[in-house]
Every structure is written in structure tokens, then in C-alpha cells.
C-alpha atoms as a PDB file:
ATOM      1  CA  GLU A   1      -0.875 -27.432  13.680  1.00  0.00           C
ATOM      2  CA  GLY A   2      -3.794 -29.639  14.662  1.00  0.00           C
ATOM      3  CA  VAL A   3      -6.236 -28.033  12.182  1.00  0.00           C
ATOM      4  CA  ASN A   4      -7.830 -29.698   9.147  1.00  0.00           C
ATOM      5  CA  VAL A   5      -8.175 -27.282   6.228  1.00  0.00           C
ATOM      6  CA  VAL A   6     -10.299 -27.508   3.070  1.00  0.00           C
ATOM      7  CA  VAL A   7      -9.693 -25.055   0.240  1.00  0.00           C
ATOM      8  CA  ALA A   8     -12.737 -25.312  -2.029  1.00  0.00           C
ATOM      9  CA  GLY A   9     -13.432 -23.774  -5.393  1.00  0.00           C
ATOM     10  CA  ALA A  10     -16.524 -23.301  -7.508  1.00  0.00           C
ATOM     11  CA  GLU A  11     -16.843 -24.588 -11.070  1.00  0.00           C
ATOM     12  CA  GLU A  12     -17.754 -21.167 -12.452  1.00  0.00           C
ATOM     13  CA  ASN A  13     -14.623 -19.533 -10.969  1.00  0.00           C
ATOM     14  CA  THR A  14     -11.010 -19.921 -12.078  1.00  0.00           C
ATOM     15  CA  PHE A  15      -7.785 -19.364 -10.177  1.00  0.00           C
ATOM     16  CA  ASP A  16      -4.644 -18.435 -12.097  1.00  0.00           C
ATOM     17  CA  GLY A  17      -2.094 -18.199  -9.279  1.00  0.00           C
ATOM     18  CA  THR A  18       0.131 -20.590  -7.348  1.00  0.00           C
ATOM     19  CA  ILE A  19      -0.767 -22.066  -3.965  1.00  0.00           C
ATOM     20  CA  THR A  20       2.380 -22.888  -1.948  1.00  0.00           C
ATOM     21  CA  VAL A  21       2.036 -25.532   0.769  1.00  0.00           C
ATOM     22  CA  ASN A  22       4.230 -25.138   3.871  1.00  0.00           C
ATOM     23  CA  GLY A  23       4.445 -28.200   6.120  1.00  0.00           C
ATOM     24  CA  ASP A  24       6.314 -26.182   8.796  1.00  0.00           C
ATOM     25  CA  ALA A  25       9.121 -28.798   8.911  1.00  0.00           C
ATOM     26  CA  ARG A  26       6.722 -31.328  10.515  1.00  0.00           C
ATOM     27  CA  TYR A  27       6.222 -34.521   8.536  1.00  0.00           C
ATOM     28  CA  ASP A  28       4.261 -36.416  11.176  1.00  0.00           C
ATOM     29  CA  GLY A  29       1.367 -34.065  11.884  1.00  0.00           C
ATOM     30  CA  ALA A  30      -2.155 -35.476  11.948  1.00  0.00           C
ATOM     31  CA  GLU A  31      -3.776 -32.408  10.389  1.00  0.00           C
ATOM     32  CA  THR A  32      -4.946 -32.544   6.781  1.00  0.00           C
ATOM     33  CA  LEU A  33      -5.020 -30.160   3.821  1.00  0.00           C
ATOM     34  CA  LYS A  34      -7.518 -30.713   1.021  1.00  0.00           C
ATOM     35  CA  PHE A  35      -7.897 -28.826  -2.255  1.00  0.00           C
ATOM     36  CA  GLU A  36     -11.336 -29.515  -3.670  1.00  0.00           C
ATOM     37  CA  GLY A  37     -13.119 -28.498  -6.873  1.00  0.00           C
ATOM     38  CA  ILE A  38     -10.714 -25.720  -7.865  1.00  0.00           C
ATOM     39  CA  ASN A  39     -10.524 -24.760 -11.541  1.00  0.00           C
ATOM     40  CA  PHE A  40      -6.886 -23.695 -12.084  1.00  0.00           C
ATOM     41  CA  LYS A  41      -6.334 -21.964 -15.424  1.00  0.00           C
ATOM     42  CA  SER A  42      -3.423 -19.877 -16.676  1.00  0.00           C
ATOM     43  CA  ASN A  43      -1.350 -19.153 -19.754  1.00  0.00           C
ATOM     44  CA  ALA A  44       1.793 -18.186 -17.784  1.00  0.00           C
ATOM     45  CA  LYS A  45       4.637 -20.385 -16.506  1.00  0.00           C
ATOM     46  CA  LYS A  46       3.882 -21.785 -13.032  1.00  0.00           C
ATOM     47  CA  ASP A  47       3.146 -24.702 -10.754  1.00  0.00           C
ATOM     48  CA  PHE A  48      -0.488 -24.340  -9.633  1.00  0.00           C
ATOM     49  CA  ILE A  49      -0.041 -26.265  -6.347  1.00  0.00           C
ATOM     50  CA  SER A  50       3.553 -26.305  -5.087  1.00  0.00           C
ATOM     51  CA  ALA A  51       5.125 -27.898  -2.031  1.00  0.00           C
ATOM     52  CA  PRO A  52       8.841 -27.115  -2.382  1.00  0.00           C
ATOM     53  CA  THR A  53      11.553 -29.078  -0.560  1.00  0.00           C
ATOM     54  CA  LYS A  54      12.437 -25.993   1.478  1.00  0.00           C
ATOM     55  CA  TYR A  55      10.293 -23.048   2.525  1.00  0.00           C
ATOM     56  CA  ASP A  56      11.884 -19.998   4.190  1.00  0.00           C
ATOM     57  CA  GLY A  57      15.146 -21.935   4.528  1.00  0.00           C
ATOM     58  CA  ARG A  58      13.598 -24.866   6.418  1.00  0.00           C
ATOM     59  CA  TYR A  59      12.653 -28.276   5.113  1.00  0.00           C
ATOM     60  CA  ASN A  60       8.988 -28.205   4.212  1.00  0.00           C
ATOM     61  CA  TYR A  61       7.643 -31.755   4.782  1.00  0.00           C
ATOM     62  CA  SER A  62       4.118 -31.021   3.615  1.00  0.00           C
ATOM     63  CA  HIS A  63       1.866 -33.838   4.791  1.00  0.00           C
ATOM     64  CA  ASN A  64      -1.624 -35.315   4.472  1.00  0.00           C
ATOM     65  CA  VAL A  65      -2.320 -33.378   1.260  1.00  0.00           C
ATOM     66  CA  THR A  66      -5.338 -34.351  -0.867  1.00  0.00           C
ATOM     67  CA  VAL A  67      -6.230 -32.834  -4.234  1.00  0.00           C
ATOM     68  CA  ASP A  68      -9.750 -33.856  -5.262  1.00  0.00           C
ATOM     69  CA  GLY A  69     -11.841 -32.825  -8.256  1.00  0.00           C
ATOM     70  CA  CYS A  70      -9.551 -30.046  -9.482  1.00  0.00           C
ATOM     71  CA  THR A  71      -8.783 -29.077 -13.081  1.00  0.00           C
ATOM     72  CA  PHE A  72      -5.462 -27.686 -14.307  1.00  0.00           C
ATOM     73  CA  SER A  73      -5.357 -26.120 -17.766  1.00  0.00           C
ATOM     74  CA  SER A  74      -4.112 -23.521 -20.199  1.00  0.00           C
ATOM     75  CA  GLU A  75      -6.097 -22.117 -23.120  1.00  0.00           C
ATOM     76  CA  ALA A  76      -3.265 -23.021 -25.493  1.00  0.00           C
ATOM     77  CA  TYR A  77      -0.717 -25.803 -25.109  1.00  0.00           C
ATOM     78  CA  ASN A  78       1.959 -24.649 -22.590  1.00  0.00           C
ATOM     79  CA  GLU A  79       4.798 -26.915 -21.421  1.00  0.00           C
ATOM     80  CA  GLU A  80       5.789 -24.455 -18.674  1.00  0.00           C
ATOM     81  CA  ILE A  81       2.783 -25.187 -16.438  1.00  0.00           C
ATOM     82  CA  VAL A  82       2.606 -28.067 -13.937  1.00  0.00           C
ATOM     83  CA  GLY A  83      -0.619 -28.853 -12.120  1.00  0.00           C
ATOM     84  CA  ILE A  84       0.704 -30.282  -8.818  1.00  0.00           C
ATOM     85  CA  LYS A  85       4.350 -30.285  -7.722  1.00  0.00           C
ATOM     86  CA  LEU A  86       4.951 -31.995  -4.377  1.00  0.00           C
ATOM     87  CA  GLN A  87       8.452 -32.505  -2.978  1.00  0.00           C
ATOM     88  CA  THR A  88       9.245 -34.239   0.330  1.00  0.00           C
ATOM     89  CA  THR A  89       5.530 -34.678   0.901  1.00  0.00           C
ATOM     90  CA  TYR A  90       4.133 -37.357   3.198  1.00  0.00           C
ATOM     91  CA  LYS A  91       0.776 -39.016   2.527  1.00  0.00           C
ATOM     92  CA  ALA A  92      -0.506 -37.439  -0.672  1.00  0.00           C
ATOM     93  CA  VAL A  93      -3.682 -38.324  -2.558  1.00  0.00           C
ATOM     94  CA  ILE A  94      -4.661 -37.029  -6.003  1.00  0.00           C
ATOM     95  CA  MET A  95      -8.092 -38.063  -7.251  1.00  0.00           C
ATOM     96  CA  ASN A  96     -10.756 -37.084  -9.760  1.00  0.00           C
ATOM     97  CA  CYS A  97      -8.497 -34.411 -11.318  1.00  0.00           C
ATOM     98  CA  LYS A  98      -7.945 -33.389 -14.934  1.00  0.00           C
ATOM     99  CA  ALA A  99      -5.005 -31.698 -16.682  1.00  0.00           C
ATOM    100  CA  GLU A 100      -5.224 -30.241 -20.182  1.00  0.00           C
ATOM    101  CA  ASN A 101      -2.730 -28.434 -22.445  1.00  0.00           C
ATOM    102  CA  ILE A 102       0.038 -28.241 -19.780  1.00  0.00           C
ATOM    103  CA  HIS A 103       3.320 -30.029 -18.976  1.00  0.00           C
ATOM    104  CA  SER A 104       1.870 -32.614 -16.602  1.00  0.00           C
ATOM    105  CA  LEU A 105      -0.776 -33.237 -13.998  1.00  0.00           C
ATOM    106  CA  ALA A 106       1.717 -34.014 -11.225  1.00  0.00           C
ATOM    107  CA  GLN A 107       5.428 -34.074 -10.456  1.00  0.00           C
ATOM    108  CA  ILE A 108       6.009 -35.787  -7.092  1.00  0.00           C
ATOM    109  CA  SER A 109       9.416 -36.524  -5.566  1.00  0.00           C
ATOM    110  CA  SER A 110      11.176 -37.671  -2.418  1.00  0.00           C
ATOM    111  CA  THR A 111       8.325 -39.239  -0.515  1.00  0.00           C
ATOM    112  CA  ASP A 112       8.804 -41.895   2.148  1.00  0.00           C
ATOM    113  CA  ASN A 113       5.344 -43.443   2.044  1.00  0.00           C
ATOM    114  CA  GLU A 114       2.474 -44.206  -0.326  1.00  0.00           C
ATOM    115  CA  ILE A 115       1.226 -41.792  -2.940  1.00  0.00           C
ATOM    116  CA  VAL A 116      -2.302 -42.593  -4.170  1.00  0.00           C
ATOM    117  CA  ILE A 117      -3.511 -41.370  -7.571  1.00  0.00           C
ATOM    118  CA  GLU A 118      -7.067 -42.338  -8.588  1.00  0.00           C
ATOM    119  CA  ASN A 119      -9.423 -41.534 -11.473  1.00  0.00           C
ATOM    120  CA  VAL A 120      -7.322 -38.803 -13.073  1.00  0.00           C
ATOM    121  CA  GLU A 121      -7.351 -37.639 -16.692  1.00  0.00           C
ATOM    122  CA  VAL A 122      -4.517 -36.090 -18.702  1.00  0.00           C
ATOM    123  CA  VAL A 123      -5.435 -34.593 -22.113  1.00  0.00           C
ATOM    124  CA  ASN A 124      -2.996 -33.085 -24.639  1.00  0.00           C
ATOM    125  CA  CYS A 125      -0.174 -32.627 -22.134  1.00  0.00           C
ATOM    126  CA  LYS A 126       3.562 -33.044 -22.668  1.00  0.00           C
ATOM    127  CA  ASN A 127       3.646 -35.740 -19.943  1.00  0.00           C
ATOM    128  CA  GLY A 128       1.286 -37.345 -17.449  1.00  0.00           C
ATOM    129  CA  LEU A 129       2.722 -38.143 -14.006  1.00  0.00           C
ATOM    130  CA  GLY A 130       6.358 -37.827 -12.901  1.00  0.00           C
ATOM    131  CA  LEU A 131       7.193 -39.795  -9.746  1.00  0.00           C
ATOM    132  CA  GLY A 132      10.784 -39.560  -8.507  1.00  0.00           C
ATOM    133  CA  ASN A 133      12.510 -41.176  -5.534  1.00  0.00           C
ATOM    134  CA  ILE A 134       9.257 -42.340  -3.998  1.00  0.00           C
ATOM    135  CA  ALA A 135       8.703 -45.307  -1.690  1.00  0.00           C
ATOM    136  CA  LYS A 136       5.350 -46.473  -3.062  1.00  0.00           C
ATOM    137  CA  ALA A 137       2.754 -45.352  -5.590  1.00  0.00           C
ATOM    138  CA  VAL A 138      -0.678 -46.757  -6.338  1.00  0.00           C
ATOM    139  CA  ILE A 139      -2.235 -45.478  -9.571  1.00  0.00           C
ATOM    140  CA  ASN A 140      -5.744 -46.632 -10.373  1.00  0.00           C
ATOM    141  CA  GLY A 141      -8.193 -45.539 -13.066  1.00  0.00           C
ATOM    142  CA  ALA A 142      -5.873 -43.085 -14.841  1.00  0.00           C
ATOM    143  CA  LYS A 143      -6.609 -41.977 -18.418  1.00  0.00           C
ATOM    144  CA  ILE A 144      -3.480 -40.399 -19.818  1.00  0.00           C
ATOM    145  CA  ASN A 145      -2.968 -38.989 -23.325  1.00  0.00           C
ATOM    146  CA  ALA A 146       0.484 -37.369 -23.465  1.00  0.00           C
ATOM    147  CA  LYS A 147       3.112 -36.513 -26.079  1.00  0.00           C
ATOM    148  CA  GLY A 148       6.149 -37.744 -24.049  1.00  0.00           C
ATOM    149  CA  TYR A 149       5.767 -40.156 -21.159  1.00  0.00           C
ATOM    150  CA  GLY A 150       2.557 -41.260 -19.509  1.00  0.00           C
ATOM    151  CA  ILE A 151       4.060 -42.196 -16.128  1.00  0.00           C
ATOM    152  CA  ARG A 152       7.733 -41.743 -15.253  1.00  0.00           C
ATOM    153  CA  LEU A 153       9.207 -43.601 -12.285  1.00  0.00           C
ATOM    154  CA  ASP A 154      12.656 -42.420 -11.186  1.00  0.00           C
ATOM    155  CA  GLY A 155      14.385 -44.350  -8.446  1.00  0.00           C
ATOM    156  CA  GLU A 156      17.461 -44.130  -6.301  1.00  0.00           C
ATOM    157  CA  LYS A 157      19.942 -46.905  -5.672  1.00  0.00           C
ATOM    158  CA  THR A 158      19.379 -46.638  -1.923  1.00  0.00           C
ATOM    159  CA  ARG A 159      15.611 -47.128  -1.972  1.00  0.00           C
ATOM    160  CA  THR A 160      13.307 -49.917  -3.005  1.00  0.00           C
ATOM    161  CA  VAL A 161      10.430 -48.503  -5.032  1.00  0.00           C
ATOM    162  CA  ALA A 162       7.023 -50.145  -5.358  1.00  0.00           C
ATOM    163  CA  ALA A 163       4.575 -48.942  -7.978  1.00  0.00           C
ATOM    164  CA  THR A 164       1.210 -50.427  -8.894  1.00  0.00           C
ATOM    165  CA  ILE A 165      -0.671 -49.252 -11.985  1.00  0.00           C
ATOM    166  CA  GLU A 166      -4.165 -50.749 -12.371  1.00  0.00           C
ATOM    167  CA  ASP A 167      -7.214 -50.227 -14.581  1.00  0.00           C
ATOM    168  CA  SER A 168      -5.512 -47.384 -16.435  1.00  0.00           C
ATOM    169  CA  GLU A 169      -5.317 -46.345 -20.101  1.00  0.00           C
ATOM    170  CA  ILE A 170      -2.065 -44.714 -21.155  1.00  0.00           C
ATOM    171  CA  LYS A 171      -1.460 -43.307 -24.641  1.00  0.00           C
ATOM    172  CA  ALA A 172       1.987 -41.745 -24.876  1.00  0.00           C
ATOM    173  CA  TYR A 173       5.253 -42.001 -26.777  1.00  0.00           C
ATOM    174  CA  ILE A 174       6.623 -43.819 -23.698  1.00  0.00           C
ATOM    175  CA  PRO A 175       3.624 -45.132 -21.716  1.00  0.00           C
ATOM    176  CA  VAL A 176       5.665 -46.036 -18.598  1.00  0.00           C
ATOM    177  CA  ASN A 177       9.241 -44.791 -18.299  1.00  0.00           C
ATOM    178  CA  ILE A 178      11.276 -46.543 -15.588  1.00  0.00           C
ATOM    179  CA  ARG A 179      14.679 -44.997 -14.830  1.00  0.00           C
ATOM    180  CA  ARG A 180      17.452 -45.478 -12.257  1.00  0.00           C
ATOM    181  CA  MET A 181      15.700 -48.176 -10.228  1.00  0.00           C
ATOM    182  CA  ASN A 182      17.230 -50.338  -7.548  1.00  0.00           C
ATOM    183  CA  ASN A 183      17.899 -53.785  -8.976  1.00  0.00           C
ATOM    184  CA  GLU A 184      16.826 -55.697  -5.846  1.00  0.00           C
END
């Protein structure tokens, strides 16, 4: 609590594990967590960065999480790997990241404020970005080349969802998949 943390990698090093983010059931903390320049690479099923809804039986509420300049890949195409999986996360930013040969760059769900995704690249992945039950997303400068969907927006009937996609190039079977949105 009250500490800003930067986890930095080096281009010549790779990390093949999972980093689990625990928000300690505090969604309104001012501290920040930044992952910077990490080269994640694995051939085994996993989420490289994971913020689960619950951690040790308590709601997680990870917050103020930034992922900047990281790569997420597998040597061969592997649909069982997700780059970033954030659930019940407040104030998340993903920028300057690349995903290759995996399921998707990011799967983000149940957020009550803005998610910002800037200058990301998705190459030869099953999908690009999955955003579910979010309040607001701003996606700018994305280059997505995926087999399934480029960006999926899942809503809930009880929430108004706002999503802005600008200056992006999406090549996918379904470029933008909008499901279960509030009709207001």
C-alpha cells in the first residue's frame, strides 16, 4: 500500500511464467504497478499476467496497472496462452505491446472505469482483445491480425458501455464483435 512498483525486463531475457497481481481487496489505492519491457515467451498453457477476480478467497481489485512495451509469444501457434488477463481491475493501461502466436493479447472484464489500449500489435493470434462487462474502453493505434475476432465487446444489461476505437487496423474474421449490449 502506498508504493509505486515497476517490474522491468530486458530485451535479451525471456520470462516463461505467470505474474499474478493481487490488489489486496483495495480498488481505490493511489499506488501504481507497471510492467515494462518484459519479453514473455512460453509454449505451455498460461496467462502471462493475471489479475483474477479473487485471490486467497478475497476480491482482488487490482488497480492502476500499466503494461508498457512487453511482448507475449509462443514459438508455435498456441491458443492456450493469453498475454494479459485482468478481472475486476481499476484503471488499466496497455501500450506498445505485441502478441504473437497465442490466443489473445488481452482479456479484460468487470471494470468500472476506463481501460486505455494504445499502439498494440497482434500477429497470428486466435483473437485480439476481449473486453467484457467494462464501463469504458479507448483503443487507439491498434494493429490486429487475428483468426477469430479482432476486438470483442461483451456487455451486461445493467451497464452502459462506451467504447472508442480510433486509428486502428483490424484484420480478422470478425473485426469487431459486439455482444449482449445494453440497448440504451
